[in-house]
Amino acid sequence: MLAQPAPPPRFFYGWIVLIACFLTSMMASGTMMAFGVFINPLAENMGWSHSARSCSYALSAIVSGVGVLAIGSYMHVYSLRLLFVIGVMINGFATPQATLAPQTTRV
């Protein structure tokens, strides 16, 4: 007796992956592009100069660009879980440390 083929799946989970990737991309680019919305309140609240604000955004863009290249090459060599854990540890350490900086020159 021949085995019957399995019925096709009712729902294609690739759409869930696509939606998750879209939302992640939207959130990541939204945080970079929202800088213009918060630039004046940040300047008024923190007393930052125009050059300090521009430098912080430029530094963020450069670090993001170089980081994407580095992480992309490491993803092919090392475990993605290992890189994720390292990234979470770096963010977990750096975020509280950044809040302790009293001036932009110490960030």
PDB file of N, CA and C in Angstrom:
ATOM      1  N   MET A   1       0.838  -1.162   0.000  1.00  0.00           N
ATOM      2  CA  MET A   1       0.000   0.000   0.000  1.00  0.00           C
ATOM      3  C   MET A   1       0.900   1.247   0.000  1.00  0.00           C
ATOM      4  N   LEU A   2       0.564   2.206  -0.803  1.00  0.00           N
ATOM      5  CA  LEU A   2       1.339   3.434  -0.923  1.00  0.00           C
ATOM      6  C   LEU A   2       0.939   4.421   0.165  1.00  0.00           C
ATOM      7  N   ALA A   3       1.943   5.128   0.641  1.00  0.00           N
ATOM      8  CA  ALA A   3       1.670   6.152   1.656  1.00  0.00           C
ATOM      9  C   ALA A   3       1.022   7.362   0.982  1.00  0.00           C
ATOM     10  N   GLN A   4       0.026   7.882   1.640  1.00  0.00           N
ATOM     11  CA  GLN A   4      -0.648   9.043   1.082  1.00  0.00           C
ATOM     12  C   GLN A   4       0.159  10.306   1.413  1.00  0.00           C
ATOM     13  N   PRO A   5       0.212  11.237   0.472  1.00  0.00           N
ATOM     14  CA  PRO A   5       0.957  12.470   0.754  1.00  0.00           C
ATOM     15  C   PRO A   5       0.268  13.275   1.857  1.00  0.00           C
ATOM     16  N   ALA A   6       1.084  13.966   2.605  1.00  0.00           N
ATOM     17  CA  ALA A   6       0.552  14.780   3.701  1.00  0.00           C
ATOM     18  C   ALA A   6      -0.244  15.946   3.120  1.00  0.00           C
ATOM     19  N   PRO A   7      -1.334  16.299   3.774  1.00  0.00           N
ATOM     20  CA  PRO A   7      -2.116  17.434   3.272  1.00  0.00           C
ATOM     21  C   PRO A   7      -1.309  18.733   3.417  1.00  0.00           C
ATOM     22  N   PRO A   8      -1.541  19.679   2.539  1.00  0.00           N
ATOM     23  CA  PRO A   8      -0.791  20.937   2.641  1.00  0.00           C
ATOM     24  C   PRO A   8      -1.165  21.679   3.926  1.00  0.00           C
ATOM     25  N   PRO A   9      -0.211  22.408   4.480  1.00  0.00           N
ATOM     26  CA  PRO A   9      -0.519  23.131   5.724  1.00  0.00           C
ATOM     27  C   PRO A   9      -1.590  24.185   5.473  1.00  0.00           C
ATOM     28  N   ARG A  10      -2.394  24.425   6.498  1.00  0.00           N
ATOM     29  CA  ARG A  10      -3.480  25.383   6.353  1.00  0.00           C
ATOM     30  C   ARG A  10      -2.976  26.819   6.403  1.00  0.00           C
ATOM     31  N   PHE A  11      -1.906  27.038   7.138  1.00  0.00           N
ATOM     32  CA  PHE A  11      -1.392  28.383   7.290  1.00  0.00           C
ATOM     33  C   PHE A  11       0.105  28.384   7.021  1.00  0.00           C
ATOM     34  N   PHE A  12       0.546  29.304   6.203  1.00  0.00           N
ATOM     35  CA  PHE A  12       1.963  29.422   5.878  1.00  0.00           C
ATOM     36  C   PHE A  12       2.626  30.358   6.889  1.00  0.00           C
ATOM     37  N   TYR A  13       3.516  29.818   7.734  1.00  0.00           N
ATOM     38  CA  TYR A  13       4.140  30.586   8.802  1.00  0.00           C
ATOM     39  C   TYR A  13       5.209  31.557   8.305  1.00  0.00           C
ATOM     40  N   GLY A  14       5.513  31.494   7.034  1.00  0.00           N
ATOM     41  CA  GLY A  14       6.431  32.467   6.465  1.00  0.00           C
ATOM     42  C   GLY A  14       5.875  33.882   6.548  1.00  0.00           C
ATOM     43  N   TRP A  15       4.538  34.005   6.534  1.00  0.00           N
ATOM     44  CA  TRP A  15       3.930  35.330   6.663  1.00  0.00           C
ATOM     45  C   TRP A  15       4.169  35.916   8.051  1.00  0.00           C
ATOM     46  N   ILE A  16       4.199  35.072   9.057  1.00  0.00           N
ATOM     47  CA  ILE A  16       4.500  35.544  10.419  1.00  0.00           C
ATOM     48  C   ILE A  16       5.934  36.064  10.479  1.00  0.00           C
ATOM     49  N   VAL A  17       6.851  35.334   9.849  1.00  0.00           N
ATOM     50  CA  VAL A  17       8.249  35.754   9.817  1.00  0.00           C
ATOM     51  C   VAL A  17       8.378  37.074   9.060  1.00  0.00           C
ATOM     52  N   LEU A  18       7.674  37.196   7.950  1.00  0.00           N
ATOM     53  CA  LEU A  18       7.710  38.426   7.173  1.00  0.00           C
ATOM     54  C   LEU A  18       7.182  39.612   7.977  1.00  0.00           C
ATOM     55  N   ILE A  19       6.088  39.436   8.681  1.00  0.00           N
ATOM     56  CA  ILE A  19       5.520  40.510   9.503  1.00  0.00           C
ATOM     57  C   ILE A  19       6.479  40.876  10.642  1.00  0.00           C
ATOM     58  N   ALA A  20       7.093  39.875  11.264  1.00  0.00           N
ATOM     59  CA  ALA A  20       8.049  40.146  12.345  1.00  0.00           C
ATOM     60  C   ALA A  20       9.258  40.921  11.825  1.00  0.00           C
ATOM     61  N   CYS A  21       9.770  40.547  10.656  1.00  0.00           N
ATOM     62  CA  CYS A  21      10.906  41.266  10.076  1.00  0.00           C
ATOM     63  C   CYS A  21      10.520  42.694   9.707  1.00  0.00           C
ATOM     64  N   PHE A  22       9.314  42.870   9.175  1.00  0.00           N
ATOM     65  CA  PHE A  22       8.853  44.210   8.821  1.00  0.00           C
ATOM     66  C   PHE A  22       8.731  45.090  10.057  1.00  0.00           C
ATOM     67  N   LEU A  23       8.141  44.563  11.116  1.00  0.00           N
ATOM     68  CA  LEU A  23       7.980  45.354  12.341  1.00  0.00           C
ATOM     69  C   LEU A  23       9.320  45.680  12.987  1.00  0.00           C
ATOM     70  N   THR A  24      10.239  44.724  12.946  1.00  0.00           N
ATOM     71  CA  THR A  24      11.570  44.969  13.502  1.00  0.00           C
ATOM     72  C   THR A  24      12.293  46.050  12.719  1.00  0.00           C
ATOM     73  N   SER A  25      12.222  45.985  11.393  1.00  0.00           N
ATOM     74  CA  SER A  25      12.859  47.011  10.564  1.00  0.00           C
ATOM     75  C   SER A  25      12.219  48.374  10.787  1.00  0.00           C
ATOM     76  N   MET A  26      10.913  48.386  10.917  1.00  0.00           N
ATOM     77  CA  MET A  26      10.213  49.645  11.127  1.00  0.00           C
ATOM     78  C   MET A  26      10.599  50.263  12.470  1.00  0.00           C
ATOM     79  N   MET A  27      10.697  49.449  13.505  1.00  0.00           N
ATOM     80  CA  MET A  27      11.063  49.959  14.822  1.00  0.00           C
ATOM     81  C   MET A  27      12.522  50.431  14.840  1.00  0.00           C
ATOM     82  N   ALA A  28      13.403  49.684  14.201  1.00  0.00           N
ATOM     83  CA  ALA A  28      14.820  50.050  14.204  1.00  0.00           C
ATOM     84  C   ALA A  28      15.048  51.348  13.441  1.00  0.00           C
ATOM     85  N   SER A  29      14.440  51.485  12.281  1.00  0.00           N
ATOM     86  CA  SER A  29      14.627  52.728  11.534  1.00  0.00           C
ATOM     87  C   SER A  29      13.871  53.869  12.191  1.00  0.00           C
ATOM     88  N   GLY A  30      12.786  53.568  12.866  1.00  0.00           N
ATOM     89  CA  GLY A  30      12.023  54.612  13.540  1.00  0.00           C
ATOM     90  C   GLY A  30      12.788  55.241  14.681  1.00  0.00           C
ATOM     91  N   THR A  31      13.588  54.455  15.378  1.00  0.00           N
ATOM     92  CA  THR A  31      14.364  55.027  16.477  1.00  0.00           C
ATOM     93  C   THR A  31      15.458  55.945  15.958  1.00  0.00           C
ATOM     94  N   MET A  32      16.031  55.620  14.809  1.00  0.00           N
ATOM     95  CA  MET A  32      17.054  56.492  14.228  1.00  0.00           C
ATOM     96  C   MET A  32      16.427  57.752  13.632  1.00  0.00           C
ATOM     97  N   MET A  33      15.285  57.611  12.990  1.00  0.00           N
ATOM     98  CA  MET A  33      14.665  58.753  12.320  1.00  0.00           C
ATOM     99  C   MET A  33      13.886  59.649  13.281  1.00  0.00           C
ATOM    100  N   ALA A  34      13.597  59.190  14.472  1.00  0.00           N
ATOM    101  CA  ALA A  34      12.865  60.000  15.448  1.00  0.00           C
ATOM    102  C   ALA A  34      13.769  60.997  16.156  1.00  0.00           C
ATOM    103  N   PHE A  35      15.031  60.995  15.845  1.00  0.00           N
ATOM    104  CA  PHE A  35      15.966  61.907  16.494  1.00  0.00           C
ATOM    105  C   PHE A  35      15.564  63.360  16.264  1.00  0.00           C
ATOM    106  N   GLY A  36      15.068  63.669  15.080  1.00  0.00           N
ATOM    107  CA  GLY A  36      14.653  65.030  14.769  1.00  0.00           C
ATOM    108  C   GLY A  36      13.481  65.506  15.614  1.00  0.00           C
ATOM    109  N   VAL A  37      12.651  64.582  16.047  1.00  0.00           N
ATOM    110  CA  VAL A  37      11.508  64.950  16.878  1.00  0.00           C
ATOM    111  C   VAL A  37      11.967  65.335  18.283  1.00  0.00           C
ATOM    112  N   PHE A  38      12.956  64.637  18.778  1.00  0.00           N
ATOM    113  CA  PHE A  38      13.397  64.838  20.156  1.00  0.00           C
ATOM    114  C   PHE A  38      14.590  65.771  20.298  1.00  0.00           C
ATOM    115  N   ILE A  39      15.096  66.313  19.197  1.00  0.00           N
ATOM    116  CA  ILE A  39      16.336  67.091  19.271  1.00  0.00           C
ATOM    117  C   ILE A  39      16.162  68.387  20.054  1.00  0.00           C
ATOM    118  N   ASN A  40      15.083  69.109  19.845  1.00  0.00           N
ATOM    119  CA  ASN A  40      14.893  70.367  20.584  1.00  0.00           C
ATOM    120  C   ASN A  40      14.606  70.136  22.063  1.00  0.00           C
ATOM    121  N   PRO A  41      13.719  69.204  22.443  1.00  0.00           N
ATOM    122  CA  PRO A  41      13.544  68.955  23.884  1.00  0.00           C
ATOM    123  C   PRO A  41      14.815  68.464  24.567  1.00  0.00           C
ATOM    124  N   LEU A  42      15.605  67.644  23.864  1.00  0.00           N
ATOM    125  CA  LEU A  42      16.873  67.196  24.443  1.00  0.00           C
ATOM    126  C   LEU A  42      17.817  68.371  24.664  1.00  0.00           C
ATOM    127  N   ALA A  43      17.876  69.256  23.692  1.00  0.00           N
ATOM    128  CA  ALA A  43      18.790  70.395  23.800  1.00  0.00           C
ATOM    129  C   ALA A  43      18.380  71.309  24.945  1.00  0.00           C
ATOM    130  N   GLU A  44      17.092  71.547  25.077  1.00  0.00           N
ATOM    131  CA  GLU A  44      16.618  72.430  26.139  1.00  0.00           C
ATOM    132  C   GLU A  44      16.800  71.798  27.517  1.00  0.00           C
ATOM    133  N   ASN A  45      16.495  70.524  27.620  1.00  0.00           N
ATOM    134  CA  ASN A  45      16.555  69.845  28.908  1.00  0.00           C
ATOM    135  C   ASN A  45      17.988  69.596  29.365  1.00  0.00           C
ATOM    136  N   MET A  46      18.844  69.200  28.446  1.00  0.00           N
ATOM    137  CA  MET A  46      20.210  68.825  28.809  1.00  0.00           C
ATOM    138  C   MET A  46      21.216  69.954  28.634  1.00  0.00           C
ATOM    139  N   GLY A  47      20.819  71.037  27.959  1.00  0.00           N
ATOM    140  CA  GLY A  47      21.743  72.133  27.733  1.00  0.00           C
ATOM    141  C   GLY A  47      22.813  71.812  26.706  1.00  0.00           C
ATOM    142  N   TRP A  48      22.494  70.977  25.720  1.00  0.00           N
ATOM    143  CA  TRP A  48      23.465  70.585  24.710  1.00  0.00           C
ATOM    144  C   TRP A  48      23.553  71.644  23.625  1.00  0.00           C
ATOM    145  N   SER A  49      24.715  71.815  23.064  1.00  0.00           N
ATOM    146  CA  SER A  49      24.896  72.717  21.934  1.00  0.00           C
ATOM    147  C   SER A  49      24.474  72.014  20.645  1.00  0.00           C
ATOM    148  N   HIS A  50      24.371  72.801  19.579  1.00  0.00           N
ATOM    149  CA  HIS A  50      23.979  72.227  18.289  1.00  0.00           C
ATOM    150  C   HIS A  50      25.036  71.241  17.795  1.00  0.00           C
ATOM    151  N   SER A  51      26.298  71.560  18.002  1.00  0.00           N
ATOM    152  CA  SER A  51      27.367  70.668  17.550  1.00  0.00           C
ATOM    153  C   SER A  51      27.370  69.353  18.333  1.00  0.00           C
ATOM    154  N   ALA A  52      27.056  69.405  19.621  1.00  0.00           N
ATOM    155  CA  ALA A  52      27.011  68.178  20.423  1.00  0.00           C
ATOM    156  C   ALA A  52      25.868  67.279  19.967  1.00  0.00           C
ATOM    157  N   ARG A  53      24.735  67.875  19.634  1.00  0.00           N
ATOM    158  CA  ARG A  53      23.604  67.073  19.149  1.00  0.00           C
ATOM    159  C   ARG A  53      23.932  66.437  17.809  1.00  0.00           C
ATOM    160  N   SER A  54      24.519  67.207  16.923  1.00  0.00           N
ATOM    161  CA  SER A  54      24.865  66.685  15.607  1.00  0.00           C
ATOM    162  C   SER A  54      25.932  65.603  15.708  1.00  0.00           C
ATOM    163  N   CYS A  55      26.874  65.807  16.589  1.00  0.00           N
ATOM    164  CA  CYS A  55      27.937  64.813  16.781  1.00  0.00           C
ATOM    165  C   CYS A  55      27.376  63.501  17.332  1.00  0.00           C
ATOM    166  N   SER A  56      26.425  63.594  18.232  1.00  0.00           N
ATOM    167  CA  SER A  56      25.856  62.372  18.794  1.00  0.00           C
ATOM    168  C   SER A  56      25.098  61.576  17.733  1.00  0.00           C
ATOM    169  N   TYR A  57      24.376  62.261  16.865  1.00  0.00           N
ATOM    170  CA  TYR A  57      23.649  61.556  15.804  1.00  0.00           C
ATOM    171  C   TYR A  57      24.620  60.964  14.780  1.00  0.00           C
ATOM    172  N   ALA A  58      25.646  61.735  14.422  1.00  0.00           N
ATOM    173  CA  ALA A  58      26.629  61.239  13.459  1.00  0.00           C
ATOM    174  C   ALA A  58      27.375  60.029  14.016  1.00  0.00           C
ATOM    175  N   LEU A  59      27.744  60.085  15.273  1.00  0.00           N
ATOM    176  CA  LEU A  59      28.430  58.961  15.903  1.00  0.00           C
ATOM    177  C   LEU A  59      27.524  57.725  15.933  1.00  0.00           C
ATOM    178  N   SER A  60      26.258  57.936  16.222  1.00  0.00           N
ATOM    179  CA  SER A  60      25.307  56.830  16.233  1.00  0.00           C
ATOM    180  C   SER A  60      25.178  56.200  14.849  1.00  0.00           C
ATOM    181  N   ALA A  61      25.108  57.024  13.809  1.00  0.00           N
ATOM    182  CA  ALA A  61      24.986  56.498  12.450  1.00  0.00           C
ATOM    183  C   ALA A  61      26.245  55.747  12.023  1.00  0.00           C
ATOM    184  N   ILE A  62      27.414  56.267  12.380  1.00  0.00           N
ATOM    185  CA  ILE A  62      28.669  55.598  12.019  1.00  0.00           C
ATOM    186  C   ILE A  62      28.802  54.268  12.743  1.00  0.00           C
ATOM    187  N   VAL A  63      28.516  54.257  14.037  1.00  0.00           N
ATOM    188  CA  VAL A  63      28.606  53.012  14.807  1.00  0.00           C
ATOM    189  C   VAL A  63      27.603  51.984  14.278  1.00  0.00           C
ATOM    190  N   SER A  64      26.418  52.431  13.916  1.00  0.00           N
ATOM    191  CA  SER A  64      25.418  51.501  13.368  1.00  0.00           C
ATOM    192  C   SER A  64      25.886  50.920  12.044  1.00  0.00           C
ATOM    193  N   GLY A  65      26.434  51.763  11.178  1.00  0.00           N
ATOM    194  CA  GLY A  65      26.898  51.283   9.880  1.00  0.00           C
ATOM    195  C   GLY A  65      28.041  50.298   9.989  1.00  0.00           C
ATOM    196  N   VAL A  66      29.018  50.602  10.817  1.00  0.00           N
ATOM    197  CA  VAL A  66      30.158  49.692  11.006  1.00  0.00           C
ATOM    198  C   VAL A  66      29.701  48.433  11.743  1.00  0.00           C
ATOM    199  N   GLY A  67      28.806  48.611  12.705  1.00  0.00           N
ATOM    200  CA  GLY A  67      28.312  47.458  13.456  1.00  0.00           C
ATOM    201  C   GLY A  67      27.551  46.474  12.595  1.00  0.00           C
ATOM    202  N   VAL A  68      26.780  46.983  11.638  1.00  0.00           N
ATOM    203  CA  VAL A  68      26.038  46.090  10.739  1.00  0.00           C
ATOM    204  C   VAL A  68      27.004  45.254   9.909  1.00  0.00           C
ATOM    205  N   LEU A  69      28.067  45.878   9.428  1.00  0.00           N
ATOM    206  CA  LEU A  69      29.052  45.117   8.641  1.00  0.00           C
ATOM    207  C   LEU A  69      29.755  44.065   9.491  1.00  0.00           C
ATOM    208  N   ALA A  70      30.145  44.441  10.696  1.00  0.00           N
ATOM    209  CA  ALA A  70      30.863  43.499  11.563  1.00  0.00           C
ATOM    210  C   ALA A  70      29.959  42.359  12.002  1.00  0.00           C
ATOM    211  N   ILE A  71      28.765  42.674  12.455  1.00  0.00           N
ATOM    212  CA  ILE A  71      27.857  41.630  12.928  1.00  0.00           C
ATOM    213  C   ILE A  71      27.422  40.728  11.780  1.00  0.00           C
ATOM    214  N   GLY A  72      27.228  41.308  10.601  1.00  0.00           N
ATOM    215  CA  GLY A  72      26.853  40.491   9.442  1.00  0.00           C
ATOM    216  C   GLY A  72      27.903  39.457   9.089  1.00  0.00           C
ATOM    217  N   SER A  73      29.174  39.842   9.171  1.00  0.00           N
ATOM    218  CA  SER A  73      30.228  38.869   8.863  1.00  0.00           C
ATOM    219  C   SER A  73      30.381  37.829   9.964  1.00  0.00           C
ATOM    220  N   TYR A  74      30.192  38.240  11.214  1.00  0.00           N
ATOM    221  CA  TYR A  74      30.291  37.290  12.318  1.00  0.00           C
ATOM    222  C   TYR A  74      29.113  36.318  12.351  1.00  0.00           C
ATOM    223  N   MET A  75      27.972  36.741  11.828  1.00  0.00           N
ATOM    224  CA  MET A  75      26.805  35.859  11.838  1.00  0.00           C
ATOM    225  C   MET A  75      27.036  34.600  11.000  1.00  0.00           C
ATOM    226  N   HIS A  76      27.897  34.709   9.980  1.00  0.00           N
ATOM    227  CA  HIS A  76      28.173  33.550   9.144  1.00  0.00           C
ATOM    228  C   HIS A  76      29.164  32.593   9.804  1.00  0.00           C
ATOM    229  N   VAL A  77      29.926  33.089  10.772  1.00  0.00           N
ATOM    230  CA  VAL A  77      30.967  32.282  11.394  1.00  0.00           C
ATOM    231  C   VAL A  77      30.525  31.721  12.739  1.00  0.00           C
ATOM    232  N   TYR A  78      29.946  32.580  13.576  1.00  0.00           N
ATOM    233  CA  TYR A  78      29.606  32.198  14.932  1.00  0.00           C
ATOM    234  C   TYR A  78      28.108  31.970  15.077  1.00  0.00           C
ATOM    235  N   SER A  79      27.744  31.484  16.225  1.00  0.00           N
ATOM    236  CA  SER A  79      26.343  31.221  16.526  1.00  0.00           C
ATOM    237  C   SER A  79      25.583  32.544  16.696  1.00  0.00           C
ATOM    238  N   LEU A  80      24.416  32.601  16.126  1.00  0.00           N
ATOM    239  CA  LEU A  80      23.584  33.784  16.254  1.00  0.00           C
ATOM    240  C   LEU A  80      23.142  33.977  17.698  1.00  0.00           C
ATOM    241  N   ARG A  81      22.920  32.899  18.407  1.00  0.00           N
ATOM    242  CA  ARG A  81      22.539  32.999  19.816  1.00  0.00           C
ATOM    243  C   ARG A  81      23.651  33.607  20.652  1.00  0.00           C
ATOM    244  N   LEU A  82      24.884  33.238  20.362  1.00  0.00           N
ATOM    245  CA  LEU A  82      26.018  33.804  21.083  1.00  0.00           C
ATOM    246  C   LEU A  82      26.103  35.308  20.839  1.00  0.00           C
ATOM    247  N   LEU A  83      25.951  35.737  19.600  1.00  0.00           N
ATOM    248  CA  LEU A  83      25.998  37.160  19.293  1.00  0.00           C
ATOM    249  C   LEU A  83      24.846  37.906  19.946  1.00  0.00           C
ATOM    250  N   PHE A  84      23.695  37.290  20.003  1.00  0.00           N
ATOM    251  CA  PHE A  84      22.543  37.917  20.651  1.00  0.00           C
ATOM    252  C   PHE A  84      22.803  38.103  22.143  1.00  0.00           C
ATOM    253  N   VAL A  85      23.342  37.094  22.785  1.00  0.00           N
ATOM    254  CA  VAL A  85      23.631  37.184  24.221  1.00  0.00           C
ATOM    255  C   VAL A  85      24.684  38.256  24.486  1.00  0.00           C
ATOM    256  N   ILE A  86      25.708  38.313  23.654  1.00  0.00           N
ATOM    257  CA  ILE A  86      26.744  39.335  23.819  1.00  0.00           C
ATOM    258  C   ILE A  86      26.149  40.727  23.632  1.00  0.00           C
ATOM    259  N   GLY A  87      25.299  40.907  22.634  1.00  0.00           N
ATOM    260  CA  GLY A  87      24.663  42.196  22.396  1.00  0.00           C
ATOM    261  C   GLY A  87      23.767  42.627  23.536  1.00  0.00           C
ATOM    262  N   VAL A  88      23.026  41.682  24.095  1.00  0.00           N
ATOM    263  CA  VAL A  88      22.161  42.003  25.232  1.00  0.00           C
ATOM    264  C   VAL A  88      23.001  42.386  26.444  1.00  0.00           C
ATOM    265  N   MET A  89      24.104  41.700  26.647  1.00  0.00           N
ATOM    266  CA  MET A  89      24.967  42.033  27.779  1.00  0.00           C
ATOM    267  C   MET A  89      25.598  43.420  27.609  1.00  0.00           C
ATOM    268  N   ILE A  90      26.026  43.746  26.401  1.00  0.00           N
ATOM    269  CA  ILE A  90      26.611  45.067  26.162  1.00  0.00           C
ATOM    270  C   ILE A  90      25.563  46.155  26.383  1.00  0.00           C
ATOM    271  N   ASN A  91      24.366  45.968  25.835  1.00  0.00           N
ATOM    272  CA  ASN A  91      23.308  46.957  26.038  1.00  0.00           C
ATOM    273  C   ASN A  91      22.893  47.050  27.498  1.00  0.00           C
ATOM    274  N   GLY A  92      22.837  45.922  28.167  1.00  0.00           N
ATOM    275  CA  GLY A  92      22.464  45.928  29.575  1.00  0.00           C
ATOM    276  C   GLY A  92      23.470  46.649  30.447  1.00  0.00           C
ATOM    277  N   PHE A  93      24.726  46.637  30.053  1.00  0.00           N
ATOM    278  CA  PHE A  93      25.751  47.342  30.809  1.00  0.00           C
ATOM    279  C   PHE A  93      25.846  48.812  30.398  1.00  0.00           C
ATOM    280  N   ALA A  94      25.741  49.094  29.094  1.00  0.00           N
ATOM    281  CA  ALA A  94      25.983  50.445  28.598  1.00  0.00           C
ATOM    282  C   ALA A  94      24.831  51.406  28.863  1.00  0.00           C
ATOM    283  N   THR A  95      23.614  50.945  28.839  1.00  0.00           N
ATOM    284  CA  THR A  95      22.481  51.852  29.018  1.00  0.00           C
ATOM    285  C   THR A  95      22.467  52.504  30.397  1.00  0.00           C
ATOM    286  N   PRO A  96      22.602  51.758  31.482  1.00  0.00           N
ATOM    287  CA  PRO A  96      22.653  52.446  32.788  1.00  0.00           C
ATOM    288  C   PRO A  96      23.885  53.340  32.931  1.00  0.00           C
ATOM    289  N   GLN A  97      24.985  52.955  32.317  1.00  0.00           N
ATOM    290  CA  GLN A  97      26.189  53.769  32.408  1.00  0.00           C
ATOM    291  C   GLN A  97      26.016  55.097  31.681  1.00  0.00           C
ATOM    292  N   ALA A  98      25.285  55.092  30.574  1.00  0.00           N
ATOM    293  CA  ALA A  98      25.069  56.325  29.818  1.00  0.00           C
ATOM    294  C   ALA A  98      24.201  57.309  30.589  1.00  0.00           C
ATOM    295  N   THR A  99      23.325  56.822  31.427  1.00  0.00           N
ATOM    296  CA  THR A  99      22.473  57.736  32.196  1.00  0.00           C
ATOM    297  C   THR A  99      23.254  58.435  33.298  1.00  0.00           C
ATOM    298  N   LEU A 100      24.403  57.916  33.658  1.00  0.00           N
ATOM    299  CA  LEU A 100      25.203  58.525  34.729  1.00  0.00           C
ATOM    300  C   LEU A 100      26.112  59.639  34.221  1.00  0.00           C
ATOM    301  N   ALA A 101      26.178  59.832  32.910  1.00  0.00           N
ATOM    302  CA  ALA A 101      27.052  60.859  32.358  1.00  0.00           C
ATOM    303  C   ALA A 101      26.440  62.240  32.566  1.00  0.00           C
ATOM    304  N   PRO A 102      27.144  63.134  33.261  1.00  0.00           N
ATOM    305  CA  PRO A 102      26.567  64.459  33.527  1.00  0.00           C
ATOM    306  C   PRO A 102      26.682  65.412  32.340  1.00  0.00           C
ATOM    307  N   GLN A 103      27.611  65.164  31.414  1.00  0.00           N
ATOM    308  CA  GLN A 103      27.810  66.046  30.271  1.00  0.00           C
ATOM    309  C   GLN A 103      27.963  65.208  29.021  1.00  0.00           C
ATOM    310  N   THR A 104      27.761  65.861  27.859  1.00  0.00           N
ATOM    311  CA  THR A 104      27.913  65.128  26.605  1.00  0.00           C
ATOM    312  C   THR A 104      29.357  64.770  26.333  1.00  0.00           C
ATOM    313  N   THR A 105      30.301  65.463  26.922  1.00  0.00           N
ATOM    314  CA  THR A 105      31.700  65.147  26.700  1.00  0.00           C
ATOM    315  C   THR A 105      32.131  63.873  27.406  1.00  0.00           C
ATOM    316  N   ARG A 106      31.321  63.382  28.326  1.00  0.00           N
ATOM    317  CA  ARG A 106      31.665  62.169  29.059  1.00  0.00           C
ATOM    318  C   ARG A 106      30.928  60.948  28.559  1.00  0.00           C
ATOM    319  N   VAL A 107      30.135  61.095  27.514  1.00  0.00           N
ATOM    320  CA  VAL A 107      29.370  59.952  26.994  1.00  0.00           C
ATOM    321  C   VAL A 107      30.229  59.141  26.078  1.00  0.00           C
TER     322      VAL A 107
END
